[in-house]
Amino acid sequence: MDDEKPILEQTTDAISSAADATKEAAKTVVKKVKKAAKKVAKKVMPKKAKKAKKAAKKSSAKKSTKKAVKKAGKKATKKVAKKKKKAKKSKR
């Protein structure tokens, strides 16, 4: 340890460097675990499950478009109603 630096500063530097090292180590471990999990999932997941996933995505996409159309219609009617109210107020 340096004699020029105060002890408190030296200890905080040491602790922060240790914390950074553990943080980096944890990140690398997490990356490795995720990679391994993906490999296992690919091997375990049968083709039928993949097809089911694709079908689910397609149906959800269809539903979302239907919802968007409904919402757009509702918003348009609300806008028209607001415009009518504003027009009546402006006439007063």
PDB file of N, CA and C in Angstrom:
ATOM      1  N   MET A   1       0.833  -1.187   0.000  1.00  0.00           N
ATOM      2  CA  MET A   1       0.000   0.000   0.000  1.00  0.00           C
ATOM      3  C   MET A   1       0.878   1.250   0.000  1.00  0.00           C
ATOM      4  N   ASP A   2       0.335   2.306  -0.576  1.00  0.00           N
ATOM      5  CA  ASP A   2       1.087   3.564  -0.657  1.00  0.00           C
ATOM      6  C   ASP A   2       1.013   4.321   0.663  1.00  0.00           C
ATOM      7  N   ASP A   3       2.130   4.898   1.041  1.00  0.00           N
ATOM      8  CA  ASP A   3       2.159   5.712   2.259  1.00  0.00           C
ATOM      9  C   ASP A   3       1.587   7.100   2.012  1.00  0.00           C
ATOM     10  N   GLU A   4       1.601   7.532   0.751  1.00  0.00           N
ATOM     11  CA  GLU A   4       1.136   8.881   0.430  1.00  0.00           C
ATOM     12  C   GLU A   4      -0.393   8.983   0.508  1.00  0.00           C
ATOM     13  N   LYS A   5      -1.090   7.941   0.130  1.00  0.00           N
ATOM     14  CA  LYS A   5      -2.561   7.964   0.146  1.00  0.00           C
ATOM     15  C   LYS A   5      -3.078   7.653   1.546  1.00  0.00           C
ATOM     16  N   PRO A   6      -4.184   8.280   1.923  1.00  0.00           N
ATOM     17  CA  PRO A   6      -4.783   7.932   3.214  1.00  0.00           C
ATOM     18  C   PRO A   6      -5.331   6.496   3.187  1.00  0.00           C
ATOM     19  N   ILE A   7      -5.410   5.888   4.341  1.00  0.00           N
ATOM     20  CA  ILE A   7      -5.833   4.487   4.439  1.00  0.00           C
ATOM     21  C   ILE A   7      -7.246   4.304   3.913  1.00  0.00           C
ATOM     22  N   LEU A   8      -8.122   5.238   4.216  1.00  0.00           N
ATOM     23  CA  LEU A   8      -9.513   5.144   3.776  1.00  0.00           C
ATOM     24  C   LEU A   8      -9.605   5.094   2.259  1.00  0.00           C
ATOM     25  N   GLU A   9      -8.841   5.936   1.607  1.00  0.00           N
ATOM     26  CA  GLU A   9      -8.839   5.975   0.143  1.00  0.00           C
ATOM     27  C   GLU A   9      -8.295   4.673  -0.441  1.00  0.00           C
ATOM     28  N   GLN A  10      -7.257   4.155   0.192  1.00  0.00           N
ATOM     29  CA  GLN A  10      -6.666   2.890  -0.269  1.00  0.00           C
ATOM     30  C   GLN A  10      -7.668   1.747  -0.157  1.00  0.00           C
ATOM     31  N   THR A  11      -8.373   1.703   0.964  1.00  0.00           N
ATOM     32  CA  THR A  11      -9.333   0.612   1.164  1.00  0.00           C
ATOM     33  C   THR A  11     -10.512   0.739   0.194  1.00  0.00           C
ATOM     34  N   THR A  12     -10.990   1.951  -0.032  1.00  0.00           N
ATOM     35  CA  THR A  12     -12.106   2.123  -0.972  1.00  0.00           C
ATOM     36  C   THR A  12     -11.686   1.739  -2.377  1.00  0.00           C
ATOM     37  N   ASP A  13     -10.456   2.074  -2.775  1.00  0.00           N
ATOM     38  CA  ASP A  13      -9.952   1.676  -4.086  1.00  0.00           C
ATOM     39  C   ASP A  13      -9.896   0.154  -4.206  1.00  0.00           C
ATOM     40  N   ALA A  14      -9.408  -0.484  -3.177  1.00  0.00           N
ATOM     41  CA  ALA A  14      -9.283  -1.945  -3.193  1.00  0.00           C
ATOM     42  C   ALA A  14     -10.657  -2.598  -3.277  1.00  0.00           C
ATOM     43  N   ILE A  15     -11.599  -2.081  -2.500  1.00  0.00           N
ATOM     44  CA  ILE A  15     -12.952  -2.647  -2.490  1.00  0.00           C
ATOM     45  C   ILE A  15     -13.632  -2.450  -3.834  1.00  0.00           C
ATOM     46  N   SER A  16     -13.479  -1.253  -4.409  1.00  0.00           N
ATOM     47  CA  SER A  16     -14.132  -0.987  -5.698  1.00  0.00           C
ATOM     48  C   SER A  16     -13.539  -1.848  -6.803  1.00  0.00           C
ATOM     49  N   SER A  17     -12.228  -2.050  -6.770  1.00  0.00           N
ATOM     50  CA  SER A  17     -11.611  -2.899  -7.801  1.00  0.00           C
ATOM     51  C   SER A  17     -12.062  -4.348  -7.635  1.00  0.00           C
ATOM     52  N   ALA A  18     -12.210  -4.791  -6.406  1.00  0.00           N
ATOM     53  CA  ALA A  18     -12.691  -6.154  -6.164  1.00  0.00           C
ATOM     54  C   ALA A  18     -14.140  -6.299  -6.637  1.00  0.00           C
ATOM     55  N   ALA A  19     -14.923  -5.268  -6.385  1.00  0.00           N
ATOM     56  CA  ALA A  19     -16.321  -5.302  -6.813  1.00  0.00           C
ATOM     57  C   ALA A  19     -16.414  -5.354  -8.333  1.00  0.00           C
ATOM     58  N   ASP A  20     -15.580  -4.570  -9.012  1.00  0.00           N
ATOM     59  CA  ASP A  20     -15.565  -4.587 -10.480  1.00  0.00           C
ATOM     60  C   ASP A  20     -15.172  -5.958 -11.003  1.00  0.00           C
ATOM     61  N   ALA A  21     -14.179  -6.572 -10.365  1.00  0.00           N
ATOM     62  CA  ALA A  21     -13.715  -7.889 -10.803  1.00  0.00           C
ATOM     63  C   ALA A  21     -14.829  -8.924 -10.650  1.00  0.00           C
ATOM     64  N   THR A  22     -15.522  -8.892  -9.519  1.00  0.00           N
ATOM     65  CA  THR A  22     -16.601  -9.861  -9.309  1.00  0.00           C
ATOM     66  C   THR A  22     -17.752  -9.614 -10.274  1.00  0.00           C
ATOM     67  N   LYS A  23     -17.995  -8.354 -10.566  1.00  0.00           N
ATOM     68  CA  LYS A  23     -19.059  -7.997 -11.513  1.00  0.00           C
ATOM     69  C   LYS A  23     -18.755  -8.580 -12.889  1.00  0.00           C
ATOM     70  N   GLU A  24     -17.527  -8.400 -13.349  1.00  0.00           N
ATOM     71  CA  GLU A  24     -17.119  -8.926 -14.660  1.00  0.00           C
ATOM     72  C   GLU A  24     -17.203 -10.450 -14.670  1.00  0.00           C
ATOM     73  N   ALA A  25     -16.763 -11.078 -13.587  1.00  0.00           N
ATOM     74  CA  ALA A  25     -16.808 -12.539 -13.515  1.00  0.00           C
ATOM     75  C   ALA A  25     -18.251 -13.031 -13.569  1.00  0.00           C
ATOM     76  N   ALA A  26     -19.133 -12.339 -12.863  1.00  0.00           N
ATOM     77  CA  ALA A  26     -20.549 -12.723 -12.867  1.00  0.00           C
ATOM     78  C   ALA A  26     -21.138 -12.585 -14.264  1.00  0.00           C
ATOM     79  N   LYS A  27     -20.765 -11.515 -14.963  1.00  0.00           N
ATOM     80  CA  LYS A  27     -21.274 -11.308 -16.318  1.00  0.00           C
ATOM     81  C   LYS A  27     -20.847 -12.443 -17.243  1.00  0.00           C
ATOM     82  N   THR A  28     -19.596 -12.828 -17.156  1.00  0.00           N
ATOM     83  CA  THR A  28     -19.113 -13.898 -18.030  1.00  0.00           C
ATOM     84  C   THR A  28     -19.799 -15.215 -17.702  1.00  0.00           C
ATOM     85  N   VAL A  29     -20.016 -15.476 -16.417  1.00  0.00           N
ATOM     86  CA  VAL A  29     -20.713 -16.707 -16.025  1.00  0.00           C
ATOM     87  C   VAL A  29     -22.135 -16.709 -16.570  1.00  0.00           C
ATOM     88  N   VAL A  30     -22.808 -15.586 -16.459  1.00  0.00           N
ATOM     89  CA  VAL A  30     -24.187 -15.489 -16.953  1.00  0.00           C
ATOM     90  C   VAL A  30     -24.224 -15.728 -18.452  1.00  0.00           C
ATOM     91  N   LYS A  31     -23.283 -15.148 -19.181  1.00  0.00           N
ATOM     92  CA  LYS A  31     -23.232 -15.346 -20.631  1.00  0.00           C
ATOM     93  C   LYS A  31     -23.054 -16.819 -20.968  1.00  0.00           C
ATOM     94  N   LYS A  32     -22.152 -17.480 -20.267  1.00  0.00           N
ATOM     95  CA  LYS A  32     -21.909 -18.897 -20.527  1.00  0.00           C
ATOM     96  C   LYS A  32     -23.140 -19.732 -20.226  1.00  0.00           C
ATOM     97  N   VAL A  33     -23.803 -19.429 -19.132  1.00  0.00           N
ATOM     98  CA  VAL A  33     -25.001 -20.181 -18.745  1.00  0.00           C
ATOM     99  C   VAL A  33     -26.104 -19.993 -19.782  1.00  0.00           C
ATOM    100  N   LYS A  34     -26.293 -18.753 -20.242  1.00  0.00           N
ATOM    101  CA  LYS A  34     -27.316 -18.486 -21.258  1.00  0.00           C
ATOM    102  C   LYS A  34     -27.023 -19.257 -22.539  1.00  0.00           C
ATOM    103  N   LYS A  35     -25.754 -19.276 -22.939  1.00  0.00           N
ATOM    104  CA  LYS A  35     -25.362 -19.988 -24.152  1.00  0.00           C
ATOM    105  C   LYS A  35     -25.673 -21.478 -24.007  1.00  0.00           C
ATOM    106  N   ALA A  36     -25.321 -22.033 -22.871  1.00  0.00           N
ATOM    107  CA  ALA A  36     -25.560 -23.453 -22.626  1.00  0.00           C
ATOM    108  C   ALA A  36     -27.057 -23.754 -22.610  1.00  0.00           C
ATOM    109  N   ALA A  37     -27.825 -22.870 -22.010  1.00  0.00           N
ATOM    110  CA  ALA A  37     -29.272 -23.062 -21.942  1.00  0.00           C
ATOM    111  C   ALA A  37     -29.885 -23.040 -23.337  1.00  0.00           C
ATOM    112  N   LYS A  38     -29.391 -22.156 -24.188  1.00  0.00           N
ATOM    113  CA  LYS A  38     -29.894 -22.096 -25.565  1.00  0.00           C
ATOM    114  C   LYS A  38     -29.596 -23.390 -26.302  1.00  0.00           C
ATOM    115  N   LYS A  39     -28.387 -23.915 -26.133  1.00  0.00           N
ATOM    116  CA  LYS A  39     -28.020 -25.169 -26.787  1.00  0.00           C
ATOM    117  C   LYS A  39     -28.933 -26.301 -26.336  1.00  0.00           C
ATOM    118  N   VAL A  40     -29.170 -26.382 -25.038  1.00  0.00           N
ATOM    119  CA  VAL A  40     -30.030 -27.433 -24.487  1.00  0.00           C
ATOM    120  C   VAL A  40     -31.449 -27.271 -25.010  1.00  0.00           C
ATOM    121  N   ALA A  41     -31.929 -26.037 -25.061  1.00  0.00           N
ATOM    122  CA  ALA A  41     -33.292 -25.785 -25.536  1.00  0.00           C
ATOM    123  C   ALA A  41     -33.434 -26.209 -26.988  1.00  0.00           C
ATOM    124  N   LYS A  42     -32.425 -25.969 -27.786  1.00  0.00           N
ATOM    125  CA  LYS A  42     -32.480 -26.365 -29.187  1.00  0.00           C
ATOM    126  C   LYS A  42     -32.552 -27.880 -29.333  1.00  0.00           C
ATOM    127  N   LYS A  43     -31.788 -28.579 -28.515  1.00  0.00           N
ATOM    128  CA  LYS A  43     -31.788 -30.033 -28.589  1.00  0.00           C
ATOM    129  C   LYS A  43     -33.086 -30.627 -28.055  1.00  0.00           C
ATOM    130  N   VAL A  44     -33.599 -30.054 -26.994  1.00  0.00           N
ATOM    131  CA  VAL A  44     -34.778 -30.602 -26.327  1.00  0.00           C
ATOM    132  C   VAL A  44     -36.056 -30.284 -27.090  1.00  0.00           C
ATOM    133  N   MET A  45     -36.148 -29.068 -27.624  1.00  0.00           N
ATOM    134  CA  MET A  45     -37.387 -28.637 -28.258  1.00  0.00           C
ATOM    135  C   MET A  45     -37.647 -29.428 -29.541  1.00  0.00           C
ATOM    136  N   PRO A  46     -38.727 -30.179 -29.580  1.00  0.00           N
ATOM    137  CA  PRO A  46     -39.034 -30.939 -30.798  1.00  0.00           C
ATOM    138  C   PRO A  46     -39.574 -30.026 -31.891  1.00  0.00           C
ATOM    139  N   LYS A  47     -39.622 -30.555 -33.101  1.00  0.00           N
ATOM    140  CA  LYS A  47     -40.069 -29.766 -34.241  1.00  0.00           C
ATOM    141  C   LYS A  47     -41.520 -29.346 -34.095  1.00  0.00           C
ATOM    142  N   LYS A  48     -42.334 -30.196 -33.498  1.00  0.00           N
ATOM    143  CA  LYS A  48     -43.760 -29.869 -33.329  1.00  0.00           C
ATOM    144  C   LYS A  48     -43.936 -28.618 -32.481  1.00  0.00           C
ATOM    145  N   ALA A  49     -43.131 -28.499 -31.459  1.00  0.00           N
ATOM    146  CA  ALA A  49     -43.228 -27.325 -30.593  1.00  0.00           C
ATOM    147  C   ALA A  49     -42.869 -26.064 -31.371  1.00  0.00           C
ATOM    148  N   LYS A  50     -41.884 -26.170 -32.252  1.00  0.00           N
ATOM    149  CA  LYS A  50     -41.513 -25.021 -33.072  1.00  0.00           C
ATOM    150  C   LYS A  50     -42.666 -24.612 -33.968  1.00  0.00           C
ATOM    151  N   LYS A  51     -43.337 -25.625 -34.574  1.00  0.00           N
ATOM    152  CA  LYS A  51     -44.470 -25.330 -35.440  1.00  0.00           C
ATOM    153  C   LYS A  51     -45.587 -24.670 -34.649  1.00  0.00           C
ATOM    154  N   ALA A  52     -45.833 -25.165 -33.448  1.00  0.00           N
ATOM    155  CA  ALA A  52     -46.877 -24.583 -32.607  1.00  0.00           C
ATOM    156  C   ALA A  52     -46.548 -23.135 -32.270  1.00  0.00           C
ATOM    157  N   LYS A  53     -45.279 -22.877 -32.021  1.00  0.00           N
ATOM    158  CA  LYS A  53     -44.861 -21.506 -31.721  1.00  0.00           C
ATOM    159  C   LYS A  53     -45.138 -20.586 -32.900  1.00  0.00           C
ATOM    160  N   LYS A  54     -44.802 -21.067 -34.108  1.00  0.00           N
ATOM    161  CA  LYS A  54     -45.026 -20.254 -35.302  1.00  0.00           C
ATOM    162  C   LYS A  54     -46.508 -19.972 -35.484  1.00  0.00           C
ATOM    163  N   ALA A  55     -47.338 -20.994 -35.279  1.00  0.00           N
ATOM    164  CA  ALA A  55     -48.782 -20.816 -35.426  1.00  0.00           C
ATOM    165  C   ALA A  55     -49.308 -19.812 -34.404  1.00  0.00           C
ATOM    166  N   ALA A  56     -48.797 -19.893 -33.197  1.00  0.00           N
ATOM    167  CA  ALA A  56     -49.221 -18.966 -32.159  1.00  0.00           C
ATOM    168  C   ALA A  56     -48.852 -17.537 -32.529  1.00  0.00           C
ATOM    169  N   LYS A  57     -47.661 -17.368 -33.082  1.00  0.00           N
ATOM    170  CA  LYS A  57     -47.237 -16.028 -33.493  1.00  0.00           C
ATOM    171  C   LYS A  57     -48.152 -15.487 -34.583  1.00  0.00           C
ATOM    172  N   LYS A  58     -48.503 -16.344 -35.535  1.00  0.00           N
ATOM    173  CA  LYS A  58     -49.366 -15.894 -36.623  1.00  0.00           C
ATOM    174  C   LYS A  58     -50.730 -15.482 -36.087  1.00  0.00           C
ATOM    175  N   SER A  59     -51.299 -16.302 -35.204  1.00  0.00           N
ATOM    176  CA  SER A  59     -52.628 -15.981 -34.687  1.00  0.00           C
ATOM    177  C   SER A  59     -52.592 -14.708 -33.851  1.00  0.00           C
ATOM    178  N   SER A  60     -51.518 -14.522 -33.085  1.00  0.00           N
ATOM    179  CA  SER A  60     -51.413 -13.300 -32.274  1.00  0.00           C
ATOM    180  C   SER A  60     -51.271 -12.083 -33.172  1.00  0.00           C
ATOM    181  N   ALA A  61     -50.593 -12.246 -34.290  1.00  0.00           N
ATOM    182  CA  ALA A  61     -50.454 -11.133 -35.226  1.00  0.00           C
ATOM    183  C   ALA A  61     -51.815 -10.772 -35.816  1.00  0.00           C
ATOM    184  N   LYS A  62     -52.606 -11.792 -36.138  1.00  0.00           N
ATOM    185  CA  LYS A  62     -53.939 -11.536 -36.675  1.00  0.00           C
ATOM    186  C   LYS A  62     -54.794 -10.811 -35.643  1.00  0.00           C
ATOM    187  N   LYS A  63     -54.722 -11.278 -34.397  1.00  0.00           N
ATOM    188  CA  LYS A  63     -55.504 -10.653 -33.332  1.00  0.00           C
ATOM    189  C   LYS A  63     -55.107  -9.197 -33.141  1.00  0.00           C
ATOM    190  N   SER A  64     -53.805  -8.950 -33.175  1.00  0.00           N
ATOM    191  CA  SER A  64     -53.338  -7.576 -32.944  1.00  0.00           C
ATOM    192  C   SER A  64     -53.815  -6.651 -34.066  1.00  0.00           C
ATOM    193  N   THR A  65     -53.862  -7.151 -35.300  1.00  0.00           N
ATOM    194  CA  THR A  65     -54.353  -6.303 -36.394  1.00  0.00           C
ATOM    195  C   THR A  65     -55.841  -6.024 -36.213  1.00  0.00           C
ATOM    196  N   LYS A  66     -56.585  -7.046 -35.789  1.00  0.00           N
ATOM    197  CA  LYS A  66     -58.020  -6.835 -35.549  1.00  0.00           C
ATOM    198  C   LYS A  66     -58.234  -5.801 -34.452  1.00  0.00           C
ATOM    199  N   LYS A  67     -57.456  -5.922 -33.383  1.00  0.00           N
ATOM    200  CA  LYS A  67     -57.574  -4.962 -32.285  1.00  0.00           C
ATOM    201  C   LYS A  67     -57.235  -3.552 -32.753  1.00  0.00           C
ATOM    202  N   ALA A  68     -56.200  -3.446 -33.569  1.00  0.00           N
ATOM    203  CA  ALA A  68     -55.788  -2.134 -34.065  1.00  0.00           C
ATOM    204  C   ALA A  68     -56.901  -1.501 -34.894  1.00  0.00           C
ATOM    205  N   VAL A  69     -57.555  -2.315 -35.709  1.00  0.00           N
ATOM    206  CA  VAL A  69     -58.655  -1.803 -36.531  1.00  0.00           C
ATOM    207  C   VAL A  69     -59.787  -1.314 -35.641  1.00  0.00           C
ATOM    208  N   LYS A  70     -60.127  -2.104 -34.625  1.00  0.00           N
ATOM    209  CA  LYS A  70     -61.198  -1.708 -33.700  1.00  0.00           C
ATOM    210  C   LYS A  70     -60.857  -0.406 -32.991  1.00  0.00           C
ATOM    211  N   LYS A  71     -59.621  -0.328 -32.500  1.00  0.00           N
ATOM    212  CA  LYS A  71     -59.202   0.877 -31.781  1.00  0.00           C
ATOM    213  C   LYS A  71     -59.243   2.095 -32.686  1.00  0.00           C
ATOM    214  N   ALA A  72     -58.795   1.923 -33.905  1.00  0.00           N
ATOM    215  CA  ALA A  72     -58.787   3.043 -34.851  1.00  0.00           C
ATOM    216  C   ALA A  72     -60.205   3.539 -35.085  1.00  0.00           C
ATOM    217  N   GLY A  73     -61.142   2.610 -35.234  1.00  0.00           N
ATOM    218  CA  GLY A  73     -62.547   2.987 -35.431  1.00  0.00           C
ATOM    219  C   GLY A  73     -63.090   3.752 -34.238  1.00  0.00           C
ATOM    220  N   LYS A  74     -62.797   3.257 -33.052  1.00  0.00           N
ATOM    221  CA  LYS A  74     -63.260   3.929 -31.837  1.00  0.00           C
ATOM    222  C   LYS A  74     -62.670   5.324 -31.713  1.00  0.00           C
ATOM    223  N   LYS A  75     -61.382   5.436 -32.006  1.00  0.00           N
ATOM    224  CA  LYS A  75     -60.731   6.745 -31.902  1.00  0.00           C
ATOM    225  C   LYS A  75     -61.325   7.731 -32.899  1.00  0.00           C
ATOM    226  N   ALA A  76     -61.613   7.236 -34.085  1.00  0.00           N
ATOM    227  CA  ALA A  76     -62.174   8.122 -35.105  1.00  0.00           C
ATOM    228  C   ALA A  76     -63.530   8.653 -34.666  1.00  0.00           C
ATOM    229  N   THR A  77     -64.362   7.788 -34.108  1.00  0.00           N
ATOM    230  CA  THR A  77     -65.686   8.242 -33.655  1.00  0.00           C
ATOM    231  C   THR A  77     -65.557   9.248 -32.518  1.00  0.00           C
ATOM    232  N   LYS A  78     -64.609   9.004 -31.616  1.00  0.00           N
ATOM    233  CA  LYS A  78     -64.393   9.939 -30.513  1.00  0.00           C
ATOM    234  C   LYS A  78     -63.939  11.300 -31.040  1.00  0.00           C
ATOM    235  N   LYS A  79     -63.053  11.301 -32.037  1.00  0.00           N
ATOM    236  CA  LYS A  79     -62.569  12.556 -32.603  1.00  0.00           C
ATOM    237  C   LYS A  79     -63.711  13.338 -33.241  1.00  0.00           C
ATOM    238  N   VAL A  80     -64.575  12.627 -33.935  1.00  0.00           N
ATOM    239  CA  VAL A  80     -65.717  13.284 -34.582  1.00  0.00           C
ATOM    240  C   VAL A  80     -66.610  13.912 -33.524  1.00  0.00           C
ATOM    241  N   ALA A  81     -66.864  13.169 -32.451  1.00  0.00           N
ATOM    242  CA  ALA A  81     -67.707  13.686 -31.377  1.00  0.00           C
ATOM    243  C   ALA A  81     -67.086  14.933 -30.756  1.00  0.00           C
ATOM    244  N   LYS A  82     -65.791  14.912 -30.544  1.00  0.00           N
ATOM    245  CA  LYS A  82     -65.104  16.069 -29.963  1.00  0.00           C
ATOM    246  C   LYS A  82     -65.208  17.281 -30.877  1.00  0.00           C
ATOM    247  N   LYS A  83     -65.024  17.049 -32.169  1.00  0.00           N
ATOM    248  CA  LYS A  83     -65.105  18.149 -33.127  1.00  0.00           C
ATOM    249  C   LYS A  83     -66.500  18.771 -33.112  1.00  0.00           C
ATOM    250  N   LYS A  84     -67.530  17.931 -33.023  1.00  0.00           N
ATOM    251  CA  LYS A  84     -68.914  18.449 -32.981  1.00  0.00           C
ATOM    252  C   LYS A  84     -69.122  19.308 -31.744  1.00  0.00           C
ATOM    253  N   LYS A  85     -68.617  18.827 -30.602  1.00  0.00           N
ATOM    254  CA  LYS A  85     -68.766  19.596 -29.365  1.00  0.00           C
ATOM    255  C   LYS A  85     -68.067  20.947 -29.468  1.00  0.00           C
ATOM    256  N   LYS A  86     -66.868  20.932 -30.026  1.00  0.00           N
ATOM    257  CA  LYS A  86     -66.122  22.179 -30.182  1.00  0.00           C
ATOM    258  C   LYS A  86     -66.855  23.139 -31.119  1.00  0.00           C
ATOM    259  N   ALA A  87     -67.438  22.606 -32.177  1.00  0.00           N
ATOM    260  CA  ALA A  87     -68.168  23.435 -33.119  1.00  0.00           C
ATOM    261  C   ALA A  87     -69.371  24.088 -32.437  1.00  0.00           C
ATOM    262  N   LYS A  88     -70.066  23.310 -31.606  1.00  0.00           N
ATOM    263  CA  LYS A  88     -71.231  23.869 -30.881  1.00  0.00           C
ATOM    264  C   LYS A  88     -70.784  24.963 -29.919  1.00  0.00           C
ATOM    265  N   LYS A  89     -69.678  24.745 -29.225  1.00  0.00           N
ATOM    266  CA  LYS A  89     -69.175  25.741 -28.283  1.00  0.00           C
ATOM    267  C   LYS A  89     -68.753  27.019 -29.005  1.00  0.00           C
ATOM    268  N   SER A  90     -68.138  26.882 -30.141  1.00  0.00           N
ATOM    269  CA  SER A  90     -67.662  28.037 -30.868  1.00  0.00           C
ATOM    270  C   SER A  90     -68.839  28.864 -31.419  1.00  0.00           C
ATOM    271  N   LYS A  91     -69.959  28.211 -31.716  1.00  0.00           N
ATOM    272  CA  LYS A  91     -71.137  28.933 -32.198  1.00  0.00           C
ATOM    273  C   LYS A  91     -71.748  29.784 -31.110  1.00  0.00           C
ATOM    274  N   ARG A  92     -71.652  29.398 -29.868  1.00  0.00           N
ATOM    275  CA  ARG A  92     -72.216  30.145 -28.744  1.00  0.00           C
ATOM    276  C   ARG A  92     -71.540  31.447 -28.637  1.00  0.00           C
TER     277      ARG A  92
END
